[in-house]
Amino acid sequence: MKKIIELYDNGHGVDTLGKCSPDQSLREYRKARELVRDIVAKRKAMGYDARILVPEDTDVSLTERCRRVNAICNQYGKDNVIMISVHCNAAGSDGKWKTAGGWCIYTSPGQTKSDILATSIWNAAQDSLKPYIQRFSTLKAQGAYDKRQVPIRADWSDGDPDYEARFAVLTGTKCAAVLTESMFQDNKTDVDFLLSAEGHNAIVDLHVKGVDNYVKSL
């Protein structure tokens, strides 16, 4: 099996204002670091070279994040490195609760190895998020989510489930790179899930399994 360096980027930092739930119970920088910490620990325990890209709590610029990734690419070869950036989504920036919800994954535009990595993680989410998926319709009927929402979002317009965006950490890095948006930090039901042990473990699990399946396929 090919040796792959796995880089996990925890989105944003303590200095980034506004990246939190309206009631301040969830702060994205902290949740992203908790998720990445546990993902990396599990991948290391499985014998893989998994690394935290941003060990600092302070915000690290997108330029610096890309520089760190590309330095590893230059050292080991870009085909031997992958990068997964872990975030929580938001429907607005006005500090009010919203009715958007769900999980999704992004790649840069075009067909690359990133799309294969994204599909592997997306497929793993179908299993790891089963409890969330099974409750979604009932919660939607109760008003937690508006009628457009689905538990796992996808854009199949180009034949695969990832969304495409020109996020700096996706377009500015040389290796296969994806960005996950795990639930919405301005949806009360999603926040409850994110802060629960069940939700935390499910999100960790989908990253671990999705990356594992991808690496084993190389």
N, C-alpha and C. Protein backbone atom coordinates (compact mmCIF):
# COMPACT_ATOMS: atom_id res chain seq x y z
N MET A 1 0.85 -1.20 0.00
CA MET A 1 0.00 0.00 0.00
C MET A 1 0.88 1.25 0.00
N LYS A 2 0.51 2.22 -0.80
CA LYS A 2 1.29 3.44 -0.95
C LYS A 2 1.28 4.26 0.34
N LYS A 3 2.44 4.80 0.71
CA LYS A 3 2.53 5.63 1.91
C LYS A 3 2.04 7.04 1.59
N ILE A 4 1.06 7.50 2.36
CA ILE A 4 0.45 8.81 2.15
C ILE A 4 0.60 9.64 3.42
N ILE A 5 0.99 10.90 3.26
CA ILE A 5 1.00 11.86 4.36
C ILE A 5 -0.37 12.51 4.41
N GLU A 6 -1.07 12.36 5.52
CA GLU A 6 -2.41 12.93 5.68
C GLU A 6 -2.33 14.20 6.52
N LEU A 7 -2.72 15.32 5.93
CA LEU A 7 -2.70 16.61 6.62
C LEU A 7 -4.14 17.03 6.92
N TYR A 8 -4.39 17.33 8.18
CA TYR A 8 -5.74 17.73 8.61
C TYR A 8 -5.70 19.19 9.07
N ASP A 9 -6.50 19.99 8.39
CA ASP A 9 -6.54 21.44 8.62
C ASP A 9 -7.79 21.79 9.42
N ASN A 10 -7.61 22.32 10.63
CA ASN A 10 -8.77 22.72 11.43
C ASN A 10 -9.12 24.17 11.12
N GLY A 11 -10.32 24.36 10.62
CA GLY A 11 -10.73 25.65 10.10
C GLY A 11 -10.74 26.80 11.10
N HIS A 12 -10.22 27.94 10.65
CA HIS A 12 -10.27 29.19 11.40
C HIS A 12 -9.47 29.12 12.72
N GLY A 13 -9.49 30.21 13.47
CA GLY A 13 -8.77 30.29 14.74
C GLY A 13 -9.54 31.10 15.75
N VAL A 14 -9.03 31.17 16.96
CA VAL A 14 -9.72 31.86 18.05
C VAL A 14 -9.91 33.34 17.73
N ASP A 15 -9.04 33.89 16.88
CA ASP A 15 -9.10 35.32 16.55
C ASP A 15 -10.19 35.65 15.52
N THR A 16 -10.72 34.63 14.84
CA THR A 16 -11.73 34.88 13.81
C THR A 16 -13.08 35.11 14.47
N LEU A 17 -13.61 36.29 14.32
CA LEU A 17 -14.86 36.66 14.97
C LEU A 17 -16.06 36.12 14.19
N GLY A 18 -17.14 35.82 14.87
CA GLY A 18 -18.40 35.47 14.23
C GLY A 18 -18.58 34.01 13.88
N LYS A 19 -17.52 33.20 14.01
CA LYS A 19 -17.62 31.79 13.66
C LYS A 19 -18.08 31.00 14.89
N CYS A 20 -19.36 31.16 15.22
CA CYS A 20 -19.88 30.51 16.42
C CYS A 20 -21.41 30.42 16.31
N SER A 21 -22.00 29.65 17.21
CA SER A 21 -23.46 29.55 17.27
C SER A 21 -24.01 30.83 17.91
N PRO A 22 -25.27 31.18 17.62
CA PRO A 22 -25.85 32.39 18.20
C PRO A 22 -25.81 32.43 19.73
N ASP A 23 -25.86 31.27 20.37
CA ASP A 23 -25.83 31.26 21.83
C ASP A 23 -24.41 31.06 22.39
N GLN A 24 -23.42 31.07 21.49
CA GLN A 24 -22.00 30.95 21.88
C GLN A 24 -21.63 29.57 22.44
N SER A 25 -22.54 28.61 22.38
CA SER A 25 -22.22 27.29 22.94
C SER A 25 -21.22 26.54 22.07
N LEU A 26 -21.19 26.86 20.78
CA LEU A 26 -20.24 26.24 19.86
C LEU A 26 -19.41 27.29 19.17
N ARG A 27 -18.10 27.14 19.20
CA ARG A 27 -17.20 28.00 18.45
C ARG A 27 -16.49 27.12 17.42
N GLU A 28 -16.54 27.54 16.17
CA GLU A 28 -16.04 26.68 15.10
C GLU A 28 -14.58 26.32 15.28
N TYR A 29 -13.76 27.28 15.66
CA TYR A 29 -12.33 26.99 15.79
C TYR A 29 -12.09 25.87 16.80
N ARG A 30 -12.86 25.88 17.89
CA ARG A 30 -12.66 24.87 18.94
C ARG A 30 -13.18 23.51 18.48
N LYS A 31 -14.39 23.48 17.90
CA LYS A 31 -14.95 22.21 17.44
C LYS A 31 -14.09 21.60 16.34
N ALA A 32 -13.61 22.42 15.41
CA ALA A 32 -12.75 21.91 14.34
C ALA A 32 -11.48 21.30 14.91
N ARG A 33 -10.91 21.93 15.93
CA ARG A 33 -9.69 21.40 16.54
C ARG A 33 -9.96 20.11 17.31
N GLU A 34 -11.10 20.04 17.96
CA GLU A 34 -11.47 18.80 18.66
C GLU A 34 -11.66 17.65 17.68
N LEU A 35 -12.33 17.93 16.57
CA LEU A 35 -12.54 16.91 15.55
C LEU A 35 -11.22 16.44 14.95
N VAL A 36 -10.39 17.40 14.55
CA VAL A 36 -9.10 17.05 13.93
C VAL A 36 -8.20 16.30 14.90
N ARG A 37 -8.19 16.73 16.15
CA ARG A 37 -7.39 16.03 17.16
C ARG A 37 -7.76 14.55 17.23
N ASP A 38 -9.05 14.26 17.24
CA ASP A 38 -9.49 12.87 17.37
C ASP A 38 -9.33 12.09 16.07
N ILE A 39 -9.54 12.75 14.93
CA ILE A 39 -9.32 12.09 13.64
C ILE A 39 -7.86 11.67 13.52
N VAL A 40 -6.96 12.60 13.80
CA VAL A 40 -5.53 12.32 13.69
C VAL A 40 -5.10 11.23 14.66
N ALA A 41 -5.62 11.28 15.88
CA ALA A 41 -5.27 10.25 16.87
C ALA A 41 -5.70 8.87 16.37
N LYS A 42 -6.88 8.77 15.79
CA LYS A 42 -7.36 7.48 15.30
C LYS A 42 -6.55 7.00 14.10
N ARG A 43 -6.23 7.91 13.20
CA ARG A 43 -5.45 7.51 12.03
C ARG A 43 -4.03 7.09 12.44
N LYS A 44 -3.45 7.78 13.40
CA LYS A 44 -2.13 7.37 13.89
C LYS A 44 -2.19 6.00 14.54
N ALA A 45 -3.25 5.75 15.31
CA ALA A 45 -3.42 4.46 15.97
C ALA A 45 -3.58 3.33 14.95
N MET A 46 -4.05 3.68 13.75
CA MET A 46 -4.20 2.69 12.68
C MET A 46 -2.91 2.50 11.90
N GLY A 47 -1.88 3.27 12.26
CA GLY A 47 -0.57 3.11 11.64
C GLY A 47 -0.27 4.05 10.50
N TYR A 48 -1.07 5.11 10.34
CA TYR A 48 -0.88 6.04 9.23
C TYR A 48 -0.15 7.31 9.68
N ASP A 49 0.46 7.99 8.73
CA ASP A 49 1.17 9.24 9.01
C ASP A 49 0.17 10.39 8.89
N ALA A 50 -0.53 10.66 9.97
CA ALA A 50 -1.54 11.73 10.02
C ALA A 50 -1.00 12.89 10.83
N ARG A 51 -1.19 14.11 10.34
CA ARG A 51 -0.60 15.28 10.98
C ARG A 51 -1.62 16.42 11.07
N ILE A 52 -1.54 17.19 12.14
CA ILE A 52 -2.35 18.39 12.29
C ILE A 52 -1.63 19.54 11.59
N LEU A 53 -2.29 20.15 10.63
CA LEU A 53 -1.65 21.21 9.86
C LEU A 53 -1.47 22.48 10.68
N VAL A 54 -2.45 22.80 11.53
CA VAL A 54 -2.42 24.03 12.31
C VAL A 54 -2.56 23.67 13.79
N PRO A 55 -1.44 23.44 14.49
CA PRO A 55 -1.52 23.12 15.91
C PRO A 55 -1.86 24.33 16.78
N GLU A 56 -1.70 25.52 16.23
CA GLU A 56 -1.99 26.73 16.99
C GLU A 56 -3.49 26.95 17.16
N ASP A 57 -3.89 27.61 18.25
CA ASP A 57 -5.27 28.05 18.42
C ASP A 57 -5.52 29.37 17.70
N THR A 58 -4.48 30.17 17.56
CA THR A 58 -4.61 31.45 16.87
C THR A 58 -4.84 31.20 15.39
N ASP A 59 -5.45 32.19 14.73
CA ASP A 59 -5.75 32.02 13.31
C ASP A 59 -4.46 32.07 12.51
N VAL A 60 -4.35 31.15 11.59
CA VAL A 60 -3.21 31.09 10.68
C VAL A 60 -3.75 31.43 9.30
N SER A 61 -3.08 32.33 8.60
CA SER A 61 -3.59 32.80 7.32
C SER A 61 -3.72 31.67 6.30
N LEU A 62 -4.60 31.87 5.34
CA LEU A 62 -4.77 30.88 4.28
C LEU A 62 -3.48 30.70 3.49
N THR A 63 -2.76 31.81 3.29
CA THR A 63 -1.48 31.72 2.58
C THR A 63 -0.50 30.83 3.32
N GLU A 64 -0.45 30.96 4.64
CA GLU A 64 0.46 30.14 5.44
C GLU A 64 0.01 28.69 5.47
N ARG A 65 -1.29 28.46 5.54
CA ARG A 65 -1.80 27.09 5.51
C ARG A 65 -1.39 26.40 4.20
N CYS A 66 -1.58 27.10 3.09
CA CYS A 66 -1.18 26.55 1.79
C CYS A 66 0.33 26.33 1.72
N ARG A 67 1.09 27.26 2.28
CA ARG A 67 2.54 27.11 2.26
C ARG A 67 2.96 25.85 3.01
N ARG A 68 2.33 25.60 4.15
CA ARG A 68 2.67 24.41 4.93
C ARG A 68 2.35 23.13 4.17
N VAL A 69 1.19 23.11 3.53
CA VAL A 69 0.82 21.93 2.74
C VAL A 69 1.82 21.72 1.60
N ASN A 70 2.11 22.78 0.88
CA ASN A 70 2.99 22.66 -0.29
C ASN A 70 4.42 22.32 0.08
N ALA A 71 4.85 22.73 1.26
CA ALA A 71 6.19 22.35 1.73
C ALA A 71 6.27 20.84 1.92
N ILE A 72 5.20 20.25 2.46
CA ILE A 72 5.15 18.79 2.61
C ILE A 72 5.08 18.12 1.23
N CYS A 73 4.31 18.72 0.31
CA CYS A 73 4.24 18.19 -1.06
C CYS A 73 5.61 18.20 -1.71
N ASN A 74 6.36 19.28 -1.52
CA ASN A 74 7.69 19.38 -2.12
C ASN A 74 8.64 18.35 -1.51
N GLN A 75 8.45 18.04 -0.25
CA GLN A 75 9.33 17.10 0.44
C GLN A 75 9.03 15.64 0.06
N TYR A 76 7.74 15.29 -0.03
CA TYR A 76 7.35 13.89 -0.24
C TYR A 76 6.78 13.60 -1.62
N GLY A 77 6.48 14.66 -2.38
CA GLY A 77 5.81 14.50 -3.67
C GLY A 77 4.32 14.71 -3.51
N LYS A 78 3.74 15.54 -4.38
CA LYS A 78 2.33 15.92 -4.21
C LYS A 78 1.38 14.74 -4.31
N ASP A 79 1.79 13.68 -5.03
CA ASP A 79 0.92 12.52 -5.15
C ASP A 79 0.94 11.65 -3.89
N ASN A 80 1.82 11.98 -2.96
CA ASN A 80 1.94 11.22 -1.71
C ASN A 80 1.38 11.99 -0.51
N VAL A 81 0.63 13.05 -0.79
CA VAL A 81 0.06 13.90 0.26
C VAL A 81 -1.42 14.14 -0.03
N ILE A 82 -2.23 14.17 1.03
CA ILE A 82 -3.62 14.62 0.91
C ILE A 82 -3.89 15.62 2.03
N MET A 83 -4.86 16.50 1.80
CA MET A 83 -5.21 17.50 2.80
C MET A 83 -6.72 17.53 2.97
N ILE A 84 -7.17 17.47 4.22
CA ILE A 84 -8.59 17.53 4.55
C ILE A 84 -8.80 18.70 5.49
N SER A 85 -9.58 19.68 5.07
CA SER A 85 -9.87 20.85 5.89
C SER A 85 -11.24 20.68 6.52
N VAL A 86 -11.30 20.77 7.85
CA VAL A 86 -12.52 20.44 8.61
C VAL A 86 -13.18 21.72 9.13
N HIS A 87 -14.44 21.91 8.78
CA HIS A 87 -15.18 23.11 9.15
C HIS A 87 -16.58 22.76 9.61
N CYS A 88 -17.29 23.78 10.14
CA CYS A 88 -18.73 23.72 10.37
C CYS A 88 -19.36 24.82 9.50
N ASN A 89 -20.50 24.54 8.92
CA ASN A 89 -21.14 25.46 8.00
C ASN A 89 -21.93 26.53 8.74
N ALA A 90 -22.42 27.52 7.99
CA ALA A 90 -23.29 28.57 8.54
C ALA A 90 -24.15 29.12 7.42
N ALA A 91 -25.39 29.44 7.74
CA ALA A 91 -26.31 29.96 6.73
C ALA A 91 -26.34 31.49 6.70
N GLY A 92 -25.80 32.13 7.73
CA GLY A 92 -25.81 33.58 7.79
C GLY A 92 -24.74 34.11 8.72
N SER A 93 -24.69 35.41 8.86
CA SER A 93 -23.69 36.03 9.73
C SER A 93 -24.32 37.09 10.64
N ASP A 94 -25.63 36.96 10.86
CA ASP A 94 -26.34 37.96 11.65
C ASP A 94 -26.54 37.54 13.10
N GLY A 95 -25.98 36.40 13.48
CA GLY A 95 -26.07 35.96 14.87
C GLY A 95 -27.44 35.41 15.25
N LYS A 96 -28.23 35.00 14.25
CA LYS A 96 -29.56 34.45 14.52
C LYS A 96 -29.63 32.99 14.08
N TRP A 97 -30.50 32.22 14.73
CA TRP A 97 -30.69 30.82 14.37
C TRP A 97 -31.33 30.71 12.99
N LYS A 98 -30.91 29.71 12.21
CA LYS A 98 -31.42 29.48 10.86
C LYS A 98 -32.00 28.08 10.76
N THR A 99 -32.58 27.77 9.59
CA THR A 99 -33.18 26.45 9.37
C THR A 99 -32.45 25.62 8.33
N ALA A 100 -31.24 26.06 7.94
CA ALA A 100 -30.41 25.24 7.04
C ALA A 100 -29.67 24.20 7.87
N GLY A 101 -29.44 23.04 7.27
CA GLY A 101 -28.74 21.99 7.99
C GLY A 101 -28.10 21.00 7.03
N GLY A 102 -27.34 20.08 7.59
CA GLY A 102 -26.76 19.01 6.78
C GLY A 102 -25.25 19.04 6.68
N TRP A 103 -24.72 18.01 6.06
CA TRP A 103 -23.27 17.81 5.88
C TRP A 103 -22.95 17.83 4.40
N CYS A 104 -21.76 18.35 4.03
CA CYS A 104 -21.34 18.31 2.63
C CYS A 104 -19.82 18.41 2.53
N ILE A 105 -19.32 18.22 1.31
CA ILE A 105 -17.88 18.25 1.06
C ILE A 105 -17.60 19.01 -0.22
N TYR A 106 -16.47 19.72 -0.24
CA TYR A 106 -16.07 20.56 -1.37
C TYR A 106 -14.74 20.12 -1.96
N THR A 107 -14.60 20.35 -3.27
CA THR A 107 -13.31 20.27 -3.95
C THR A 107 -13.15 21.52 -4.80
N SER A 108 -11.98 21.70 -5.39
CA SER A 108 -11.79 22.78 -6.36
C SER A 108 -12.44 22.39 -7.67
N PRO A 109 -12.72 23.34 -8.55
CA PRO A 109 -13.37 23.03 -9.83
C PRO A 109 -12.53 22.09 -10.69
N GLY A 110 -13.23 21.26 -11.47
CA GLY A 110 -12.55 20.33 -12.37
C GLY A 110 -12.43 18.94 -11.77
N GLN A 111 -12.06 18.00 -12.60
CA GLN A 111 -11.91 16.61 -12.17
C GLN A 111 -10.45 16.31 -11.83
N THR A 112 -10.20 16.01 -10.56
CA THR A 112 -8.85 15.70 -10.08
C THR A 112 -8.94 14.56 -9.08
N LYS A 113 -7.80 14.19 -8.49
CA LYS A 113 -7.79 13.16 -7.44
C LYS A 113 -8.60 13.62 -6.22
N SER A 114 -8.76 14.92 -6.08
CA SER A 114 -9.55 15.45 -4.97
C SER A 114 -10.98 14.94 -5.03
N ASP A 115 -11.51 14.78 -6.25
CA ASP A 115 -12.88 14.30 -6.40
C ASP A 115 -13.02 12.86 -5.93
N ILE A 116 -11.98 12.05 -6.16
CA ILE A 116 -12.01 10.66 -5.72
C ILE A 116 -11.97 10.60 -4.19
N LEU A 117 -11.11 11.43 -3.59
CA LEU A 117 -11.04 11.51 -2.13
C LEU A 117 -12.37 11.98 -1.55
N ALA A 118 -12.96 13.00 -2.17
CA ALA A 118 -14.23 13.54 -1.69
C ALA A 118 -15.35 12.50 -1.76
N THR A 119 -15.40 11.75 -2.85
CA THR A 119 -16.43 10.73 -2.99
C THR A 119 -16.27 9.64 -1.94
N SER A 120 -15.04 9.28 -1.62
CA SER A 120 -14.79 8.27 -0.60
C SER A 120 -15.29 8.74 0.76
N ILE A 121 -15.04 9.99 1.10
CA ILE A 121 -15.51 10.54 2.38
C ILE A 121 -17.02 10.69 2.37
N TRP A 122 -17.58 11.13 1.25
CA TRP A 122 -19.03 11.29 1.13
C TRP A 122 -19.73 9.94 1.32
N ASN A 123 -19.17 8.90 0.71
CA ASN A 123 -19.75 7.56 0.87
C ASN A 123 -19.69 7.10 2.33
N ALA A 124 -18.59 7.39 3.00
CA ALA A 124 -18.46 7.01 4.41
C ALA A 124 -19.48 7.74 5.27
N ALA A 125 -19.80 8.96 4.89
CA ALA A 125 -20.78 9.75 5.65
C ALA A 125 -22.16 9.09 5.64
N GLN A 126 -22.50 8.40 4.55
CA GLN A 126 -23.80 7.73 4.47
C GLN A 126 -23.98 6.72 5.60
N ASP A 127 -22.90 6.08 5.98
CA ASP A 127 -22.95 5.09 7.05
C ASP A 127 -22.77 5.73 8.43
N SER A 128 -21.75 6.56 8.56
CA SER A 128 -21.42 7.13 9.87
C SER A 128 -22.52 8.05 10.39
N LEU A 129 -23.23 8.70 9.50
CA LEU A 129 -24.26 9.66 9.91
C LEU A 129 -25.67 9.07 9.89
N LYS A 130 -25.79 7.76 9.89
CA LYS A 130 -27.11 7.12 9.83
C LYS A 130 -28.09 7.64 10.90
N PRO A 131 -27.68 7.74 12.17
CA PRO A 131 -28.63 8.25 13.17
C PRO A 131 -29.14 9.66 12.85
N TYR A 132 -28.23 10.51 12.38
CA TYR A 132 -28.59 11.87 11.98
C TYR A 132 -29.56 11.84 10.80
N ILE A 133 -29.25 11.00 9.80
CA ILE A 133 -30.08 10.88 8.61
C ILE A 133 -31.47 10.38 8.97
N GLN A 134 -31.54 9.38 9.84
CA GLN A 134 -32.82 8.76 10.20
C GLN A 134 -33.74 9.72 10.94
N ARG A 135 -33.17 10.65 11.68
CA ARG A 135 -33.99 11.60 12.45
C ARG A 135 -34.35 12.85 11.66
N PHE A 136 -33.70 13.06 10.54
CA PHE A 136 -33.79 14.34 9.84
C PHE A 136 -35.21 14.68 9.41
N SER A 137 -35.91 13.72 8.81
CA SER A 137 -37.27 13.98 8.32
C SER A 137 -38.21 14.38 9.44
N THR A 138 -38.11 13.69 10.57
CA THR A 138 -38.96 14.00 11.72
C THR A 138 -38.67 15.40 12.23
N LEU A 139 -37.39 15.73 12.33
CA LEU A 139 -37.00 17.05 12.81
C LEU A 139 -37.40 18.15 11.83
N LYS A 140 -37.33 17.84 10.53
CA LYS A 140 -37.77 18.80 9.52
C LYS A 140 -39.26 19.08 9.67
N ALA A 141 -40.03 18.02 9.90
CA ALA A 141 -41.48 18.17 10.09
C ALA A 141 -41.80 19.01 11.32
N GLN A 142 -40.90 18.99 12.29
CA GLN A 142 -41.08 19.78 13.52
C GLN A 142 -40.58 21.21 13.37
N GLY A 143 -39.99 21.55 12.21
CA GLY A 143 -39.56 22.91 11.94
C GLY A 143 -38.09 23.19 12.17
N ALA A 144 -37.31 22.16 12.51
CA ALA A 144 -35.88 22.38 12.75
C ALA A 144 -35.15 22.73 11.45
N TYR A 145 -35.64 22.21 10.34
CA TYR A 145 -35.05 22.46 9.02
C TYR A 145 -36.15 22.88 8.05
N ASP A 146 -35.81 23.75 7.11
CA ASP A 146 -36.82 24.13 6.12
C ASP A 146 -36.92 23.04 5.05
N LYS A 147 -37.91 23.16 4.19
CA LYS A 147 -38.28 22.08 3.26
C LYS A 147 -37.19 21.76 2.23
N ARG A 148 -36.25 22.67 2.02
CA ARG A 148 -35.20 22.42 1.01
C ARG A 148 -34.06 21.57 1.55
N GLN A 149 -34.01 21.38 2.86
CA GLN A 149 -32.82 20.76 3.47
C GLN A 149 -32.82 19.24 3.37
N VAL A 150 -31.62 18.70 3.24
CA VAL A 150 -31.39 17.25 3.25
C VAL A 150 -30.22 16.98 4.20
N PRO A 151 -30.15 15.78 4.78
CA PRO A 151 -29.10 15.53 5.77
C PRO A 151 -27.69 15.49 5.20
N ILE A 152 -27.56 14.98 3.99
CA ILE A 152 -26.25 14.99 3.32
C ILE A 152 -26.43 15.65 1.96
N ARG A 153 -25.81 16.79 1.80
CA ARG A 153 -25.96 17.57 0.57
C ARG A 153 -25.04 17.03 -0.52
N ALA A 154 -25.45 17.24 -1.77
CA ALA A 154 -24.62 16.81 -2.89
C ALA A 154 -24.93 17.67 -4.11
N ASP A 155 -23.92 17.80 -4.98
CA ASP A 155 -24.08 18.44 -6.27
C ASP A 155 -23.61 17.44 -7.33
N TRP A 156 -24.57 16.80 -7.98
CA TRP A 156 -24.25 15.74 -8.94
C TRP A 156 -24.09 16.27 -10.36
N SER A 157 -24.02 17.57 -10.54
CA SER A 157 -24.01 18.14 -11.89
C SER A 157 -22.82 17.69 -12.74
N ASP A 158 -21.72 17.33 -12.08
CA ASP A 158 -20.54 16.86 -12.84
C ASP A 158 -20.28 15.37 -12.62
N GLY A 159 -21.29 14.66 -12.07
CA GLY A 159 -21.17 13.22 -11.95
C GLY A 159 -20.68 12.70 -10.62
N ASP A 160 -20.31 13.60 -9.71
CA ASP A 160 -19.91 13.16 -8.37
C ASP A 160 -20.55 14.08 -7.33
N PRO A 161 -20.54 13.67 -6.04
CA PRO A 161 -21.37 14.37 -5.05
C PRO A 161 -20.80 15.64 -4.43
N ASP A 162 -19.52 15.93 -4.68
CA ASP A 162 -18.94 17.10 -4.02
C ASP A 162 -19.39 18.40 -4.68
N TYR A 163 -19.41 19.46 -3.86
CA TYR A 163 -19.58 20.81 -4.38
C TYR A 163 -18.23 21.32 -4.82
N GLU A 164 -18.21 22.25 -5.75
CA GLU A 164 -16.95 22.83 -6.22
C GLU A 164 -16.89 24.30 -5.84
N ALA A 165 -15.74 24.72 -5.34
CA ALA A 165 -15.55 26.12 -4.94
C ALA A 165 -14.06 26.46 -5.00
N ARG A 166 -13.80 27.73 -5.17
CA ARG A 166 -12.40 28.17 -5.25
C ARG A 166 -11.89 28.62 -3.88
N PHE A 167 -12.10 27.78 -2.88
CA PHE A 167 -11.55 28.07 -1.56
C PHE A 167 -10.02 28.01 -1.65
N ALA A 168 -9.37 28.93 -0.96
CA ALA A 168 -7.91 29.05 -1.07
C ALA A 168 -7.19 27.75 -0.72
N VAL A 169 -7.65 27.05 0.32
CA VAL A 169 -6.95 25.82 0.73
C VAL A 169 -7.15 24.69 -0.28
N LEU A 170 -8.10 24.85 -1.20
CA LEU A 170 -8.31 23.85 -2.25
C LEU A 170 -7.59 24.22 -3.54
N THR A 171 -7.58 25.49 -3.88
CA THR A 171 -6.94 25.91 -5.14
C THR A 171 -5.47 26.25 -4.96
N GLY A 172 -5.05 26.55 -3.73
CA GLY A 172 -3.67 26.97 -3.50
C GLY A 172 -2.74 25.86 -3.04
N THR A 173 -3.24 24.62 -3.01
CA THR A 173 -2.43 23.49 -2.57
C THR A 173 -2.20 22.54 -3.75
N LYS A 174 -1.04 21.87 -3.73
CA LYS A 174 -0.63 21.04 -4.87
C LYS A 174 -1.22 19.64 -4.84
N CYS A 175 -1.63 19.17 -3.67
CA CYS A 175 -2.07 17.78 -3.51
C CYS A 175 -3.59 17.66 -3.61
N ALA A 176 -4.07 16.44 -3.57
CA ALA A 176 -5.51 16.22 -3.46
C ALA A 176 -6.00 16.86 -2.16
N ALA A 177 -7.02 17.70 -2.26
CA ALA A 177 -7.48 18.47 -1.10
C ALA A 177 -8.99 18.60 -1.11
N VAL A 178 -9.60 18.44 0.05
CA VAL A 178 -11.05 18.59 0.19
C VAL A 178 -11.35 19.42 1.43
N LEU A 179 -12.56 19.93 1.48
CA LEU A 179 -13.02 20.71 2.64
C LEU A 179 -14.39 20.19 3.04
N THR A 180 -14.54 19.79 4.29
CA THR A 180 -15.83 19.29 4.77
C THR A 180 -16.54 20.35 5.61
N GLU A 181 -17.85 20.40 5.45
CA GLU A 181 -18.69 21.30 6.24
C GLU A 181 -19.63 20.43 7.06
N SER A 182 -19.28 20.22 8.32
CA SER A 182 -20.04 19.31 9.18
C SER A 182 -21.14 20.05 9.94
N MET A 183 -22.32 20.01 9.40
CA MET A 183 -23.52 20.60 9.98
C MET A 183 -23.42 22.14 10.03
N PHE A 184 -24.49 22.76 10.56
CA PHE A 184 -24.57 24.23 10.58
C PHE A 184 -24.49 24.75 12.01
N GLN A 185 -23.55 25.65 12.23
CA GLN A 185 -23.37 26.20 13.57
C GLN A 185 -24.43 27.24 13.94
N ASP A 186 -25.30 27.59 12.98
CA ASP A 186 -26.41 28.50 13.31
C ASP A 186 -27.77 27.80 13.17
N ASN A 187 -27.74 26.47 13.30
CA ASN A 187 -28.97 25.69 13.40
C ASN A 187 -28.95 25.00 14.76
N LYS A 188 -29.96 25.26 15.59
CA LYS A 188 -29.95 24.77 16.96
C LYS A 188 -29.87 23.24 17.03
N THR A 189 -30.61 22.56 16.16
CA THR A 189 -30.60 21.10 16.17
C THR A 189 -29.24 20.56 15.74
N ASP A 190 -28.64 21.18 14.72
CA ASP A 190 -27.30 20.76 14.29
C ASP A 190 -26.27 21.02 15.38
N VAL A 191 -26.38 22.14 16.06
CA VAL A 191 -25.44 22.45 17.14
C VAL A 191 -25.55 21.41 18.26
N ASP A 192 -26.77 21.04 18.61
CA ASP A 192 -26.96 20.01 19.63
C ASP A 192 -26.27 18.72 19.21
N PHE A 193 -26.38 18.38 17.92
CA PHE A 193 -25.74 17.17 17.40
C PHE A 193 -24.21 17.31 17.45
N LEU A 194 -23.71 18.44 17.02
CA LEU A 194 -22.27 18.68 17.02
C LEU A 194 -21.67 18.61 18.42
N LEU A 195 -22.41 19.09 19.40
CA LEU A 195 -21.89 19.13 20.77
C LEU A 195 -22.10 17.81 21.53
N SER A 196 -22.87 16.90 20.95
CA SER A 196 -23.10 15.61 21.60
C SER A 196 -21.95 14.66 21.31
N ALA A 197 -21.75 13.69 22.19
CA ALA A 197 -20.73 12.67 21.95
C ALA A 197 -21.07 11.86 20.70
N GLU A 198 -22.36 11.58 20.51
CA GLU A 198 -22.79 10.83 19.33
C GLU A 198 -22.41 11.57 18.05
N GLY A 199 -22.73 12.86 17.99
CA GLY A 199 -22.44 13.64 16.80
C GLY A 199 -20.95 13.78 16.55
N HIS A 200 -20.22 14.11 17.61
CA HIS A 200 -18.76 14.26 17.48
C HIS A 200 -18.14 12.98 16.94
N ASN A 201 -18.49 11.86 17.54
CA ASN A 201 -17.90 10.58 17.14
C ASN A 201 -18.29 10.20 15.71
N ALA A 202 -19.52 10.52 15.31
CA ALA A 202 -19.97 10.21 13.95
C ALA A 202 -19.17 11.00 12.92
N ILE A 203 -18.90 12.26 13.20
CA ILE A 203 -18.16 13.09 12.27
C ILE A 203 -16.69 12.66 12.21
N VAL A 204 -16.12 12.34 13.35
CA VAL A 204 -14.76 11.79 13.36
C VAL A 204 -14.72 10.51 12.53
N ASP A 205 -15.69 9.64 12.75
CA ASP A 205 -15.72 8.34 12.10
C ASP A 205 -15.82 8.45 10.58
N LEU A 206 -16.62 9.37 10.08
CA LEU A 206 -16.77 9.48 8.63
C LEU A 206 -15.48 9.94 7.97
N HIS A 207 -14.74 10.81 8.64
CA HIS A 207 -13.44 11.23 8.10
C HIS A 207 -12.44 10.08 8.13
N VAL A 208 -12.39 9.39 9.26
CA VAL A 208 -11.45 8.27 9.40
C VAL A 208 -11.72 7.19 8.36
N LYS A 209 -12.97 6.78 8.23
CA LYS A 209 -13.32 5.71 7.29
C LYS A 209 -13.17 6.15 5.83
N GLY A 210 -13.59 7.39 5.54
CA GLY A 210 -13.50 7.88 4.17
C GLY A 210 -12.06 7.98 3.69
N VAL A 211 -11.19 8.51 4.54
CA VAL A 211 -9.77 8.62 4.19
C VAL A 211 -9.15 7.23 4.10
N ASP A 212 -9.51 6.35 5.03
CA ASP A 212 -8.95 4.99 5.03
C ASP A 212 -9.29 4.27 3.72
N ASN A 213 -10.52 4.36 3.31
CA ASN A 213 -10.92 3.70 2.06
C ASN A 213 -10.19 4.28 0.86
N TYR A 214 -9.98 5.59 0.87
CA TYR A 214 -9.25 6.23 -0.23
C TYR A 214 -7.80 5.76 -0.26
N VAL A 215 -7.14 5.82 0.87
CA VAL A 215 -5.72 5.45 0.92
C VAL A 215 -5.52 3.98 0.53
N LYS A 216 -6.40 3.12 0.96
CA LYS A 216 -6.29 1.70 0.63
C LYS A 216 -6.53 1.42 -0.86
N SER A 217 -7.19 2.36 -1.52
CA SER A 217 -7.48 2.17 -2.97
C SER A 217 -6.32 2.57 -3.85
N LEU A 218 -5.32 3.24 -3.29
CA LEU A 218 -4.21 3.74 -4.10
C LEU A 218 -3.23 2.64 -4.49
